[in-house]
PDB file of N, CA and C in Angstrom:
ATOM      1  N   MET A   1       0.849  -1.171   0.000  1.00  0.00           N
ATOM      2  CA  MET A   1       0.000   0.000   0.000  1.00  0.00           C
ATOM      3  C   MET A   1       0.890   1.228   0.000  1.00  0.00           C
ATOM      4  N   VAL A   2       0.496   2.196  -0.773  1.00  0.00           N
ATOM      5  CA  VAL A   2       1.187   3.485  -0.770  1.00  0.00           C
ATOM      6  C   VAL A   2       0.272   4.496  -0.097  1.00  0.00           C
ATOM      7  N   VAL A   3       0.816   5.191   0.894  1.00  0.00           N
ATOM      8  CA  VAL A   3       0.093   6.252   1.581  1.00  0.00           C
ATOM      9  C   VAL A   3       0.800   7.556   1.260  1.00  0.00           C
ATOM     10  N   THR A   4       0.047   8.529   0.780  1.00  0.00           N
ATOM     11  CA  THR A   4       0.618   9.855   0.539  1.00  0.00           C
ATOM     12  C   THR A   4       0.079  10.787   1.610  1.00  0.00           C
ATOM     13  N   LEU A   5       0.954  11.601   2.164  1.00  0.00           N
ATOM     14  CA  LEU A   5       0.608  12.497   3.255  1.00  0.00           C
ATOM     15  C   LEU A   5       1.003  13.908   2.860  1.00  0.00           C
ATOM     16  N   SER A   6       0.036  14.828   2.944  1.00  0.00           N
ATOM     17  CA  SER A   6       0.306  16.195   2.515  1.00  0.00           C
ATOM     18  C   SER A   6      -0.419  17.189   3.406  1.00  0.00           C
ATOM     19  N   ASP A   7       0.127  18.391   3.488  1.00  0.00           N
ATOM     20  CA  ASP A   7      -0.550  19.476   4.193  1.00  0.00           C
ATOM     21  C   ASP A   7      -1.023  20.553   3.215  1.00  0.00           C
ATOM     22  N   GLU A   8      -1.034  20.223   1.934  1.00  0.00           N
ATOM     23  CA  GLU A   8      -1.554  21.156   0.937  1.00  0.00           C
ATOM     24  C   GLU A   8      -3.056  21.311   1.130  1.00  0.00           C
ATOM     25  N   SER A   9      -3.624  22.365   0.582  1.00  0.00           N
ATOM     26  CA  SER A   9      -5.058  22.581   0.765  1.00  0.00           C
ATOM     27  C   SER A   9      -5.865  21.430   0.173  1.00  0.00           C
ATOM     28  N   ARG A  10      -7.003  21.163   0.788  1.00  0.00           N
ATOM     29  CA  ARG A  10      -7.867  20.080   0.313  1.00  0.00           C
ATOM     30  C   ARG A  10      -8.235  20.296  -1.151  1.00  0.00           C
ATOM     31  N   GLN A  11      -8.574  21.521  -1.534  1.00  0.00           N
ATOM     32  CA  GLN A  11      -8.966  21.789  -2.917  1.00  0.00           C
ATOM     33  C   GLN A  11      -7.817  21.512  -3.878  1.00  0.00           C
ATOM     34  N   HIS A  12      -6.605  21.862  -3.501  1.00  0.00           N
ATOM     35  CA  HIS A  12      -5.443  21.578  -4.344  1.00  0.00           C
ATOM     36  C   HIS A  12      -5.302  20.072  -4.556  1.00  0.00           C
ATOM     37  N   LEU A  13      -5.466  19.303  -3.480  1.00  0.00           N
ATOM     38  CA  LEU A  13      -5.344  17.849  -3.578  1.00  0.00           C
ATOM     39  C   LEU A  13      -6.452  17.245  -4.434  1.00  0.00           C
ATOM     40  N   VAL A  14      -7.687  17.719  -4.253  1.00  0.00           N
ATOM     41  CA  VAL A  14      -8.812  17.216  -5.048  1.00  0.00           C
ATOM     42  C   VAL A  14      -8.572  17.497  -6.527  1.00  0.00           C
ATOM     43  N   THR A  15      -8.146  18.700  -6.849  1.00  0.00           N
ATOM     44  CA  THR A  15      -7.874  19.061  -8.245  1.00  0.00           C
ATOM     45  C   THR A  15      -6.764  18.191  -8.821  1.00  0.00           C
ATOM     46  N   PHE A  16      -5.685  18.003  -8.058  1.00  0.00           N
ATOM     47  CA  PHE A  16      -4.577  17.173  -8.528  1.00  0.00           C
ATOM     48  C   PHE A  16      -5.051  15.745  -8.807  1.00  0.00           C
ATOM     49  N   LEU A  17      -5.815  15.180  -7.881  1.00  0.00           N
ATOM     50  CA  LEU A  17      -6.264  13.794  -8.037  1.00  0.00           C
ATOM     51  C   LEU A  17      -7.266  13.639  -9.175  1.00  0.00           C
ATOM     52  N   GLU A  18      -8.030  14.679  -9.470  1.00  0.00           N
ATOM     53  CA  GLU A  18      -8.925  14.632 -10.628  1.00  0.00           C
ATOM     54  C   GLU A  18      -8.116  14.587 -11.921  1.00  0.00           C
ATOM     55  N   GLU A  19      -7.002  15.316 -11.956  1.00  0.00           N
ATOM     56  CA  GLU A  19      -6.156  15.370 -13.150  1.00  0.00           C
ATOM     57  C   GLU A  19      -5.209  14.177 -13.242  1.00  0.00           C
ATOM     58  N   HIS A  20      -4.808  13.624 -12.092  1.00  0.00           N
ATOM     59  CA  HIS A  20      -3.837  12.527 -12.032  1.00  0.00           C
ATOM     60  C   HIS A  20      -4.333  11.451 -11.071  1.00  0.00           C
ATOM     61  N   PRO A  21      -5.315  10.664 -11.484  1.00  0.00           N
ATOM     62  CA  PRO A  21      -5.841   9.650 -10.563  1.00  0.00           C
ATOM     63  C   PRO A  21      -4.761   8.638 -10.181  1.00  0.00           C
ATOM     64  N   VAL A  22      -4.660   8.350  -8.905  1.00  0.00           N
ATOM     65  CA  VAL A  22      -3.711   7.366  -8.396  1.00  0.00           C
ATOM     66  C   VAL A  22      -4.441   6.431  -7.444  1.00  0.00           C
ATOM     67  N   GLU A  23      -3.924   5.238  -7.329  1.00  0.00           N
ATOM     68  CA  GLU A  23      -4.509   4.266  -6.416  1.00  0.00           C
ATOM     69  C   GLU A  23      -3.670   4.211  -5.146  1.00  0.00           C
ATOM     70  N   THR A  24      -3.723   5.297  -4.404  1.00  0.00           N
ATOM     71  CA  THR A  24      -3.016   5.383  -3.132  1.00  0.00           C
ATOM     72  C   THR A  24      -4.014   5.838  -2.083  1.00  0.00           C
ATOM     73  N   LEU A  25      -3.644   5.659  -0.837  1.00  0.00           N
ATOM     74  CA  LEU A  25      -4.421   6.219   0.260  1.00  0.00           C
ATOM     75  C   LEU A  25      -3.879   7.624   0.462  1.00  0.00           C
ATOM     76  N   ASN A  26      -4.691   8.626   0.219  1.00  0.00           N
ATOM     77  CA  ASN A  26      -4.259  10.015   0.284  1.00  0.00           C
ATOM     78  C   ASN A  26      -4.740  10.632   1.586  1.00  0.00           C
ATOM     79  N   VAL A  27      -3.792  11.098   2.387  1.00  0.00           N
ATOM     80  CA  VAL A  27      -4.103  11.625   3.705  1.00  0.00           C
ATOM     81  C   VAL A  27      -3.726  13.098   3.752  1.00  0.00           C
ATOM     82  N   TYR A  28      -4.632  13.896   4.300  1.00  0.00           N
ATOM     83  CA  TYR A  28      -4.394  15.321   4.473  1.00  0.00           C
ATOM     84  C   TYR A  28      -4.242  15.616   5.957  1.00  0.00           C
ATOM     85  N   GLN A  29      -3.231  16.388   6.293  1.00  0.00           N
ATOM     86  CA  GLN A  29      -3.037  16.845   7.666  1.00  0.00           C
ATOM     87  C   GLN A  29      -2.651  18.306   7.596  1.00  0.00           C
ATOM     88  N   GLU A  30      -3.319  19.148   8.346  1.00  0.00           N
ATOM     89  CA  GLU A  30      -3.087  20.583   8.264  1.00  0.00           C
ATOM     90  C   GLU A  30      -1.652  20.984   8.579  1.00  0.00           C
ATOM     91  N   SER A  31      -1.027  20.306   9.514  1.00  0.00           N
ATOM     92  CA  SER A  31       0.341  20.635   9.882  1.00  0.00           C
ATOM     93  C   SER A  31       1.194  19.373   9.929  1.00  0.00           C
ATOM     94  N   LEU A  32       2.293  19.382   9.205  1.00  0.00           N
ATOM     95  CA  LEU A  32       3.186  18.228   9.175  1.00  0.00           C
ATOM     96  C   LEU A  32       4.563  18.539   9.744  1.00  0.00           C
ATOM     97  N   GLY A  33       4.702  19.631  10.449  1.00  0.00           N
ATOM     98  CA  GLY A  33       5.993  20.014  10.989  1.00  0.00           C
ATOM     99  C   GLY A  33       6.630  18.942  11.855  1.00  0.00           C
ATOM    100  N   TRP A  34       5.820  18.096  12.418  1.00  0.00           N
ATOM    101  CA  TRP A  34       6.334  17.039  13.288  1.00  0.00           C
ATOM    102  C   TRP A  34       6.950  15.893  12.511  1.00  0.00           C
ATOM    103  N   ILE A  35       6.713  15.799  11.222  1.00  0.00           N
ATOM    104  CA  ILE A  35       7.176  14.621  10.491  1.00  0.00           C
ATOM    105  C   ILE A  35       8.395  14.883   9.610  1.00  0.00           C
ATOM    106  N   TYR A  36       8.503  16.029   9.004  1.00  0.00           N
ATOM    107  CA  TYR A  36       9.681  16.305   8.175  1.00  0.00           C
ATOM    108  C   TYR A  36       9.829  17.793   7.933  1.00  0.00           C
ATOM    109  N   ASP A  37      11.048  18.176   7.626  1.00  0.00           N
ATOM    110  CA  ASP A  37      11.373  19.572   7.410  1.00  0.00           C
ATOM    111  C   ASP A  37      11.757  19.765   5.954  1.00  0.00           C
ATOM    112  N   THR A  38      10.752  19.825   5.101  1.00  0.00           N
ATOM    113  CA  THR A  38      10.976  19.998   3.666  1.00  0.00           C
ATOM    114  C   THR A  38       9.771  20.670   3.045  1.00  0.00           C
ATOM    115  N   ASP A  39       9.961  21.295   1.912  1.00  0.00           N
ATOM    116  CA  ASP A  39       8.849  21.918   1.199  1.00  0.00           C
ATOM    117  C   ASP A  39       8.210  20.958   0.198  1.00  0.00           C
ATOM    118  N   ALA A  40       8.812  19.790  -0.014  1.00  0.00           N
ATOM    119  CA  ALA A  40       8.289  18.829  -0.987  1.00  0.00           C
ATOM    120  C   ALA A  40       6.978  18.230  -0.484  1.00  0.00           C
ATOM    121  N   ARG A  41       6.037  18.069  -1.381  1.00  0.00           N
ATOM    122  CA  ARG A  41       4.763  17.454  -1.065  1.00  0.00           C
ATOM    123  C   ARG A  41       4.377  16.545  -2.217  1.00  0.00           C
ATOM    124  N   PRO A  42       3.768  15.436  -1.994  1.00  0.00           N
ATOM    125  CA  PRO A  42       3.481  14.844  -0.695  1.00  0.00           C
ATOM    126  C   PRO A  42       4.645  13.995  -0.204  1.00  0.00           C
ATOM    127  N   MET A  43       4.556  13.554   1.024  1.00  0.00           N
ATOM    128  CA  MET A  43       5.462  12.550   1.571  1.00  0.00           C
ATOM    129  C   MET A  43       4.806  11.211   1.269  1.00  0.00           C
ATOM    130  N   ASN A  44       5.577  10.247   0.810  1.00  0.00           N
ATOM    131  CA  ASN A  44       5.034   8.953   0.389  1.00  0.00           C
ATOM    132  C   ASN A  44       5.579   7.849   1.278  1.00  0.00           C
ATOM    133  N   PHE A  45       4.692   6.974   1.723  1.00  0.00           N
ATOM    134  CA  PHE A  45       5.055   5.848   2.575  1.00  0.00           C
ATOM    135  C   PHE A  45       4.639   4.571   1.877  1.00  0.00           C
ATOM    136  N   LEU A  46       5.531   3.616   1.791  1.00  0.00           N
ATOM    137  CA  LEU A  46       5.237   2.324   1.183  1.00  0.00           C
ATOM    138  C   LEU A  46       5.164   1.297   2.299  1.00  0.00           C
ATOM    139  N   ILE A  47       3.993   0.660   2.438  1.00  0.00           N
ATOM    140  CA  ILE A  47       3.736  -0.253   3.550  1.00  0.00           C
ATOM    141  C   ILE A  47       3.450  -1.644   3.005  1.00  0.00           C
ATOM    142  N   SER A  48       4.111  -2.643   3.582  1.00  0.00           N
ATOM    143  CA  SER A  48       3.939  -4.032   3.136  1.00  0.00           C
ATOM    144  C   SER A  48       2.565  -4.556   3.557  1.00  0.00           C
ATOM    145  N   PRO A  49       2.128  -5.676   2.962  1.00  0.00           N
ATOM    146  CA  PRO A  49       0.829  -6.263   3.336  1.00  0.00           C
ATOM    147  C   PRO A  49       0.722  -6.609   4.823  1.00  0.00           C
ATOM    148  N   ASP A  50       1.858  -6.856   5.475  1.00  0.00           N
ATOM    149  CA  ASP A  50       1.800  -7.170   6.907  1.00  0.00           C
ATOM    150  C   ASP A  50       2.050  -5.938   7.790  1.00  0.00           C
ATOM    151  N   GLY A  51       1.972  -4.747   7.191  1.00  0.00           N
ATOM    152  CA  GLY A  51       2.016  -3.507   7.957  1.00  0.00           C
ATOM    153  C   GLY A  51       3.383  -2.952   8.270  1.00  0.00           C
ATOM    154  N   VAL A  52       4.423  -3.450   7.620  1.00  0.00           N
ATOM    155  CA  VAL A  52       5.783  -2.971   7.857  1.00  0.00           C
ATOM    156  C   VAL A  52       6.088  -1.804   6.908  1.00  0.00           C
ATOM    157  N   LEU A  53       6.629  -0.732   7.448  1.00  0.00           N
ATOM    158  CA  LEU A  53       7.046   0.403   6.626  1.00  0.00           C
ATOM    159  C   LEU A  53       8.285   0.002   5.842  1.00  0.00           C
ATOM    160  N   LEU A  54       8.171  -0.058   4.519  1.00  0.00           N
ATOM    161  CA  LEU A  54       9.282  -0.473   3.666  1.00  0.00           C
ATOM    162  C   LEU A  54      10.165   0.689   3.259  1.00  0.00           C
ATOM    163  N   ASP A  55       9.546   1.846   3.033  1.00  0.00           N
ATOM    164  CA  ASP A  55      10.309   2.997   2.550  1.00  0.00           C
ATOM    165  C   ASP A  55       9.441   4.235   2.685  1.00  0.00           C
ATOM    166  N   CYS A  56      10.079   5.371   2.736  1.00  0.00           N
ATOM    167  CA  CYS A  56       9.362   6.644   2.661  1.00  0.00           C
ATOM    168  C   CYS A  56      10.239   7.607   1.873  1.00  0.00           C
ATOM    169  N   THR A  57       9.585   8.519   1.190  1.00  0.00           N
ATOM    170  CA  THR A  57      10.320   9.453   0.340  1.00  0.00           C
ATOM    171  C   THR A  57       9.467  10.673   0.048  1.00  0.00           C
ATOM    172  N   GLU A  58      10.126  11.749  -0.288  1.00  0.00           N
ATOM    173  CA  GLU A  58       9.433  12.878  -0.887  1.00  0.00           C
ATOM    174  C   GLU A  58       9.129  12.419  -2.309  1.00  0.00           C
ATOM    175  N   MET A  59       8.730  13.274  -3.184  1.00  0.00           N
ATOM    176  CA  MET A  59       8.492  12.841  -4.556  1.00  0.00           C
ATOM    177  C   MET A  59       9.813  12.345  -5.124  1.00  0.00           C
ATOM    178  N   PRO A  60       9.896  11.063  -5.482  1.00  0.00           N
ATOM    179  CA  PRO A  60      11.174  10.486  -5.903  1.00  0.00           C
ATOM    180  C   PRO A  60      11.608  10.932  -7.293  1.00  0.00           C
ATOM    181  N   GLY A  61      12.886  10.757  -7.563  1.00  0.00           N
ATOM    182  CA  GLY A  61      13.433  11.017  -8.894  1.00  0.00           C
ATOM    183  C   GLY A  61      13.228  12.451  -9.331  1.00  0.00           C
ATOM    184  N   ASP A  62      12.728  12.605 -10.554  1.00  0.00           N
ATOM    185  CA  ASP A  62      12.539  13.942 -11.116  1.00  0.00           C
ATOM    186  C   ASP A  62      11.157  14.515 -10.813  1.00  0.00           C
ATOM    187  N   GLY A  63      10.399  13.859  -9.938  1.00  0.00           N
ATOM    188  CA  GLY A  63       9.096  14.382  -9.531  1.00  0.00           C
ATOM    189  C   GLY A  63       7.949  14.047 -10.461  1.00  0.00           C
ATOM    190  N   THR A  64       8.200  13.207 -11.448  1.00  0.00           N
ATOM    191  CA  THR A  64       7.143  12.829 -12.383  1.00  0.00           C
ATOM    192  C   THR A  64       6.421  11.585 -11.882  1.00  0.00           C
ATOM    193  N   TYR A  65       5.251  11.323 -12.467  1.00  0.00           N
ATOM    194  CA  TYR A  65       4.520  10.118 -12.120  1.00  0.00           C
ATOM    195  C   TYR A  65       5.352   8.884 -12.454  1.00  0.00           C
ATOM    196  N   GLY A  66       6.087   8.916 -13.566  1.00  0.00           N
ATOM    197  CA  GLY A  66       6.927   7.790 -13.957  1.00  0.00           C
ATOM    198  C   GLY A  66       7.969   7.465 -12.901  1.00  0.00           C
ATOM    199  N   ALA A  67       8.588   8.501 -12.328  1.00  0.00           N
ATOM    200  CA  ALA A  67       9.584   8.283 -11.271  1.00  0.00           C
ATOM    201  C   ALA A  67       8.919   7.701 -10.030  1.00  0.00           C
ATOM    202  N   PHE A  68       7.713   8.156  -9.736  1.00  0.00           N
ATOM    203  CA  PHE A  68       6.966   7.622  -8.598  1.00  0.00           C
ATOM    204  C   PHE A  68       6.650   6.144  -8.830  1.00  0.00           C
ATOM    205  N   ALA A  69       6.172   5.808 -10.024  1.00  0.00           N
ATOM    206  CA  ALA A  69       5.855   4.417 -10.364  1.00  0.00           C
ATOM    207  C   ALA A  69       7.109   3.543 -10.288  1.00  0.00           C
ATOM    208  N   ASP A  70       8.237   4.054 -10.743  1.00  0.00           N
ATOM    209  CA  ASP A  70       9.495   3.302 -10.660  1.00  0.00           C
ATOM    210  C   ASP A  70       9.863   3.025  -9.204  1.00  0.00           C
ATOM    211  N   TRP A  71       9.649   4.012  -8.323  1.00  0.00           N
ATOM    212  CA  TRP A  71       9.934   3.832  -6.901  1.00  0.00           C
ATOM    213  C   TRP A  71       9.093   2.691  -6.322  1.00  0.00           C
ATOM    214  N   VAL A  72       7.809   2.692  -6.652  1.00  0.00           N
ATOM    215  CA  VAL A  72       6.928   1.610  -6.173  1.00  0.00           C
ATOM    216  C   VAL A  72       7.336   0.282  -6.782  1.00  0.00           C
ATOM    217  N   ASP A  73       7.544   0.249  -8.093  1.00  0.00           N
ATOM    218  CA  ASP A  73       7.898  -0.988  -8.787  1.00  0.00           C
ATOM    219  C   ASP A  73       9.171  -1.624  -8.228  1.00  0.00           C
ATOM    220  N   GLU A  74      10.122  -0.783  -7.862  1.00  0.00           N
ATOM    221  CA  GLU A  74      11.385  -1.281  -7.292  1.00  0.00           C
ATOM    222  C   GLU A  74      11.119  -2.165  -6.070  1.00  0.00           C
ATOM    223  N   HIS A  75      10.173  -1.756  -5.254  1.00  0.00           N
ATOM    224  CA  HIS A  75       9.845  -2.518  -4.044  1.00  0.00           C
ATOM    225  C   HIS A  75       8.987  -3.744  -4.338  1.00  0.00           C
ATOM    226  N   LEU A  76       8.254  -3.738  -5.433  1.00  0.00           N
ATOM    227  CA  LEU A  76       7.435  -4.896  -5.786  1.00  0.00           C
ATOM    228  C   LEU A  76       8.296  -6.064  -6.250  1.00  0.00           C
ATOM    229  N   LYS A  77       9.515  -5.771  -6.702  1.00  0.00           N
ATOM    230  CA  LYS A  77      10.430  -6.806  -7.180  1.00  0.00           C
ATOM    231  C   LYS A  77      11.034  -7.615  -6.039  1.00  0.00           C
ATOM    232  N   THR A  78      11.039  -7.052  -4.828  1.00  0.00           N
ATOM    233  CA  THR A  78      11.683  -7.725  -3.700  1.00  0.00           C
ATOM    234  C   THR A  78      10.713  -8.612  -2.951  1.00  0.00           C
TER     235      THR A  78
END
């Protein structure tokens, strides 16, 4: 499972997801200062079927959907 966590406005997230549908669990939190100190959004968490955190990253690679898919695919191979 991929969980994306962002503090961007709800409307911004809704618009983005309408334009770029993804099959992730998208979580909004008004303040994320407790989790990381970066301007990159969203933060992505990859969780195994048994609930183990496998990896987390800001938008990987060059920030494109392809780079994001490659990040996920890399973990599916293991």
